[in-house]
């Protein structure tokens, strides 16, 4: 039911958020990663998220679309169209947030054009730390939305009523990628002059944005069953944007 799906989704997103805090713990032992180490961690995170976006969000979106349009003659084509619309909406939403929300990426230079540009003359170290926190929130909210969207299927009865299938795999994948991401964020804050304790605390607390995203996803899709295929694809599009543009 909806209440059990909400409970399971929030609990799973909290565990994924806890992984951020666990991953950031080495900040008490090391002060910096090499560019090669950082690249390896980020590539691992991107690979895990990509698998979750495809196998736990995109493919279920196509299946749910076909089930929704089963009575029509063009169910496969219509399902693909719904998924494509959701993908475009998710990417467009994240692109708008990324463009209009001031933030700074927690990566070491050199980085992709437009990312991690030195801003010492524009912002103080404290201001840059807050801009980095905003960037973390931009990452975590769609990740929580993806967990909520995956668990919403159990409330709607689209995956046999078992709230541990797609939702658990998405939460596990996001938790795995949160661990290296939490460390990179904490170390980036250290380079801005933050103490190890404060850098860890900020990285840990940033993960709490994910349960709010999960609640939003569950509440929206649970109240609009017809939107479920598109909602899964929106979450997948948001995650794909984070993978390609942020990670």
Protein backbone atom coordinates (compact mmCIF):
# COMPACT_ATOMS: atom_id res chain seq x y z
CA UNK A 1 0.00 0.00 0.00
CA UNK A 2 0.91 3.67 -0.17
CA UNK A 3 1.83 3.92 3.52
CA UNK A 4 4.19 0.94 3.44
CA UNK A 5 5.79 2.20 0.23
CA UNK A 6 6.31 5.63 1.80
CA UNK A 7 7.88 4.07 4.89
CA UNK A 8 10.16 1.80 2.87
CA UNK A 9 11.13 4.60 0.49
CA UNK A 10 12.02 7.05 3.25
CA UNK A 11 13.98 4.41 5.16
CA UNK A 12 15.92 3.44 2.02
CA UNK A 13 16.70 7.06 1.17
CA UNK A 14 17.90 7.64 4.75
CA UNK A 15 20.27 4.67 4.43
CA UNK A 16 21.53 6.07 1.12
CA UNK A 17 22.08 9.41 2.84
CA UNK A 18 23.94 7.66 5.68
CA UNK A 19 26.34 6.26 3.08
CA UNK A 20 27.43 9.84 2.35
CA UNK A 21 28.45 10.30 5.98
CA UNK A 22 30.27 6.95 6.03
CA UNK A 23 32.10 7.69 2.80
CA UNK A 24 33.28 11.06 4.10
CA UNK A 25 34.94 9.58 7.23
CA UNK A 26 38.44 9.32 5.66
CA UNK A 27 38.53 13.14 5.68
CA UNK A 28 39.86 12.76 9.24
CA UNK A 29 42.84 10.80 7.89
CA UNK A 30 43.71 12.41 4.56
CA UNK A 31 43.57 16.00 3.35
CA UNK A 32 43.58 15.56 -0.41
CA UNK A 33 43.08 13.06 -3.23
CA UNK A 34 45.17 12.99 -6.35
CA UNK A 35 43.42 13.80 -9.60
CA UNK A 36 43.75 10.15 -10.66
CA UNK A 37 42.14 8.91 -7.43
CA UNK A 38 39.35 11.45 -7.71
CA UNK A 39 38.70 10.47 -11.33
CA UNK A 40 38.51 6.79 -10.38
CA UNK A 41 36.03 7.48 -7.57
CA UNK A 42 33.86 9.66 -9.80
CA UNK A 43 33.91 7.11 -12.62
CA UNK A 44 32.78 4.40 -10.19
CA UNK A 45 29.94 6.64 -8.97
CA UNK A 46 28.88 7.42 -12.53
CA UNK A 47 28.86 3.75 -13.54
CA UNK A 48 26.73 2.71 -10.59
CA UNK A 49 24.25 5.53 -11.17
CA UNK A 50 24.07 4.79 -14.90
CA UNK A 51 23.19 1.14 -14.23
CA UNK A 52 20.48 2.20 -11.75
CA UNK A 53 19.03 4.77 -14.15
CA UNK A 54 18.76 2.23 -16.99
CA UNK A 55 17.77 -1.00 -15.25
CA UNK A 56 15.72 0.32 -12.32
CA UNK A 57 14.11 3.41 -13.87
CA UNK A 58 14.16 3.50 -17.68
CA UNK A 59 13.24 -0.15 -18.34
CA UNK A 60 10.48 -0.16 -15.67
CA UNK A 61 9.20 3.08 -17.23
CA UNK A 62 8.82 1.33 -20.59
CA UNK A 63 7.12 -1.66 -18.94
CA UNK A 64 4.73 0.54 -16.98
CA UNK A 65 3.92 2.51 -20.12
CA UNK A 66 3.09 -0.67 -22.02
CA UNK A 67 0.85 -1.84 -19.16
CA UNK A 68 -0.89 1.55 -19.09
CA UNK A 69 -1.51 1.48 -22.85
CA UNK A 70 -2.12 -2.26 -23.14
CA UNK A 71 -5.61 -1.72 -24.55
CA UNK A 72 -4.31 0.35 -27.46
CA UNK A 73 -2.83 -0.97 -30.70
CA UNK A 74 0.33 1.13 -30.39
CA UNK A 75 1.32 0.24 -26.83
CA UNK A 76 5.09 -0.19 -27.48
CA UNK A 77 5.34 3.03 -29.46
CA UNK A 78 3.23 4.95 -26.96
CA UNK A 79 5.25 3.62 -24.03
CA UNK A 80 8.47 4.69 -25.73
CA UNK A 81 6.98 8.12 -26.31
CA UNK A 82 6.00 8.52 -22.65
CA UNK A 83 9.50 7.50 -21.55
CA UNK A 84 11.10 9.91 -24.02
CA UNK A 85 8.91 12.78 -22.75
CA UNK A 86 9.86 11.99 -19.16
CA UNK A 87 13.58 11.82 -20.02
CA UNK A 88 13.44 15.20 -21.72
CA UNK A 89 11.53 16.76 -18.80
CA UNK A 90 13.97 15.41 -16.23
CA UNK A 91 17.01 16.65 -18.11
CA UNK A 92 15.42 20.04 -18.81
CA UNK A 93 14.51 20.48 -15.14
CA UNK A 94 18.05 19.73 -14.00
CA UNK A 95 19.52 21.94 -16.71
CA UNK A 96 17.38 24.85 -15.53
CA UNK A 97 18.34 24.28 -11.89
CA UNK A 98 22.02 23.99 -12.83
CA UNK A 99 21.91 27.18 -14.88
CA UNK A 100 19.98 29.44 -12.54
CA UNK A 101 21.17 28.23 -9.12
CA UNK A 102 24.59 29.60 -8.06
CA UNK A 103 26.83 26.70 -7.09
CA UNK A 104 30.38 25.43 -7.30
CA UNK A 105 31.45 21.91 -8.14
CA UNK A 106 33.49 19.89 -5.68
CA UNK A 107 36.17 18.76 -8.12
CA UNK A 108 39.85 19.47 -8.37
CA UNK A 109 41.19 21.44 -11.34
CA UNK A 110 41.71 20.85 -14.19
CA UNK A 111 38.07 20.04 -14.86
CA UNK A 112 35.51 20.33 -17.62
CA UNK A 113 35.03 23.83 -19.10
CA UNK A 114 32.86 25.93 -16.82
CA UNK A 115 33.43 23.71 -13.80
CA UNK A 116 35.65 24.40 -10.81
CA UNK A 117 36.77 27.71 -12.28
CA UNK A 118 38.91 29.56 -9.72
CA UNK A 119 36.71 32.16 -8.05
CA UNK A 120 38.98 33.37 -5.28
CA UNK A 121 38.61 36.96 -6.46
CA UNK A 122 34.81 36.69 -6.62
CA UNK A 123 33.96 34.82 -3.42
CA UNK A 124 35.54 34.26 -0.04
CA UNK A 125 36.36 30.72 1.05
CA UNK A 126 33.22 30.68 3.21
CA UNK A 127 31.03 31.77 0.30
CA UNK A 128 32.59 29.13 -1.94
CA UNK A 129 31.84 26.51 0.71
CA UNK A 130 28.16 27.48 0.66
CA UNK A 131 28.13 27.42 -3.14
CA UNK A 132 29.53 23.91 -2.93
CA UNK A 133 26.79 22.90 -0.49
CA UNK A 134 24.21 24.10 -3.02
CA UNK A 135 25.87 21.94 -5.65
CA UNK A 136 25.58 18.91 -3.35
CA UNK A 137 21.88 19.59 -2.84
CA UNK A 138 21.41 19.79 -6.61
CA UNK A 139 22.88 16.28 -6.78
CA UNK A 140 21.02 14.75 -3.87
CA UNK A 141 17.45 15.89 -4.45
CA UNK A 142 17.03 14.11 -7.82
CA UNK A 143 18.72 11.04 -6.34
CA UNK A 144 16.08 10.98 -3.61
CA UNK A 145 13.40 11.55 -6.24
CA UNK A 146 14.68 8.48 -8.09
CA UNK A 147 14.36 6.35 -4.94
CA UNK A 148 10.84 7.62 -4.33
CA UNK A 149 9.82 7.04 -7.95
CA UNK A 150 11.12 3.46 -7.83
CA UNK A 151 9.29 2.68 -4.57
CA UNK A 152 6.06 4.25 -5.84
CA UNK A 153 5.51 1.17 -7.99
CA UNK A 154 4.65 -0.93 -4.94
CA UNK A 155 1.97 1.55 -3.88
CA UNK A 156 0.42 1.41 -7.36
CA UNK A 157 0.70 -2.35 -7.66
CA UNK A 158 2.78 -2.19 -10.84
CA UNK A 159 5.51 -4.54 -9.61
CA UNK A 160 3.48 -7.12 -7.77
CA UNK A 161 3.19 -5.03 -4.64
CA UNK A 162 6.74 -5.85 -3.56
CA UNK A 163 8.40 -2.61 -2.41
CA UNK A 164 11.88 -4.16 -2.38
CA UNK A 165 12.49 -4.73 -6.09
CA UNK A 166 13.28 -1.62 -8.11
CA UNK A 167 13.33 0.72 -5.13
CA UNK A 168 15.92 -1.26 -3.20
CA UNK A 169 18.26 -1.52 -6.19
CA UNK A 170 18.07 2.22 -6.82
CA UNK A 171 18.68 3.01 -3.15
CA UNK A 172 21.62 0.59 -3.04
CA UNK A 173 23.16 2.07 -6.18
CA UNK A 174 22.78 5.62 -4.91
CA UNK A 175 24.20 4.64 -1.53
CA UNK A 176 27.25 3.09 -3.21
CA UNK A 177 27.94 6.18 -5.28
CA UNK A 178 27.29 8.46 -2.30
CA UNK A 179 30.32 7.06 -0.49
CA UNK A 180 33.03 8.32 -2.86
CA UNK A 181 31.00 11.46 -3.53
CA UNK A 182 30.85 12.23 0.20
CA UNK A 183 34.62 11.90 0.49
CA UNK A 184 35.29 14.13 -2.51
CA UNK A 185 32.94 16.80 -1.17
CA UNK A 186 34.47 16.69 2.32
CA UNK A 187 38.01 16.95 0.95
CA UNK A 188 37.00 19.83 -1.31
CA UNK A 189 35.65 21.68 1.72
CA UNK A 190 38.95 21.00 3.49
CA UNK A 191 40.81 22.73 0.66
CA UNK A 192 38.63 25.79 1.32
CA UNK A 193 39.92 26.02 4.88
CA UNK A 194 37.17 24.10 6.68
CA UNK A 195 38.17 21.86 9.60
CA UNK A 196 37.94 18.08 9.16
CA UNK A 197 35.00 17.90 11.57
CA UNK A 198 33.04 20.64 9.84
CA UNK A 199 33.80 19.26 6.36
CA UNK A 200 32.54 15.84 7.42
CA UNK A 201 29.43 17.27 9.09
CA UNK A 202 28.48 19.32 6.02
CA UNK A 203 28.96 16.32 3.72
CA UNK A 204 26.92 14.13 6.08
CA UNK A 205 24.08 16.62 6.48
CA UNK A 206 23.89 17.22 2.73
CA UNK A 207 22.70 13.65 2.32
CA UNK A 208 19.53 14.48 4.23
CA UNK A 209 18.20 16.19 1.10
CA UNK A 210 17.58 12.73 -0.37
CA UNK A 211 14.67 11.73 1.93
CA UNK A 212 12.86 14.95 0.98
CA UNK A 213 13.27 14.06 -2.69
CA UNK A 214 12.00 10.53 -1.98
CA UNK A 215 8.92 11.86 -0.17
CA UNK A 216 8.17 14.18 -3.09
CA UNK A 217 8.50 11.37 -5.62
CA UNK A 218 6.31 8.99 -3.62
CA UNK A 219 3.64 11.60 -2.90
CA UNK A 220 3.42 12.77 -6.52
CA UNK A 221 3.42 9.39 -8.23
CA UNK A 222 1.26 7.78 -5.56
CA UNK A 223 -1.49 10.35 -6.18
CA UNK A 224 -1.22 10.27 -9.99
CA UNK A 225 -0.98 6.63 -11.15
CA UNK A 226 -1.23 7.60 -14.83
CA UNK A 227 1.92 9.70 -14.40
CA UNK A 228 3.97 6.76 -13.13
CA UNK A 229 5.74 5.81 -16.42
CA UNK A 230 6.61 9.45 -17.10
CA UNK A 231 7.66 10.00 -13.47
CA UNK A 232 10.14 7.12 -13.61
CA UNK A 233 11.61 8.57 -16.79
CA UNK A 234 11.80 12.06 -15.24
CA UNK A 235 13.84 10.60 -12.37
CA UNK A 236 16.04 8.75 -14.88
CA UNK A 237 16.55 11.92 -16.92
CA UNK A 238 17.56 13.86 -13.81
CA UNK A 239 20.04 11.14 -12.87
CA UNK A 240 21.47 10.99 -16.40
CA UNK A 241 22.01 14.75 -16.31
CA UNK A 242 23.84 14.48 -12.99
CA UNK A 243 25.98 11.65 -14.41
CA UNK A 244 26.91 13.41 -17.62
CA UNK A 245 27.19 17.00 -16.41
CA UNK A 246 28.11 16.77 -12.75
CA UNK A 247 29.97 13.46 -12.36
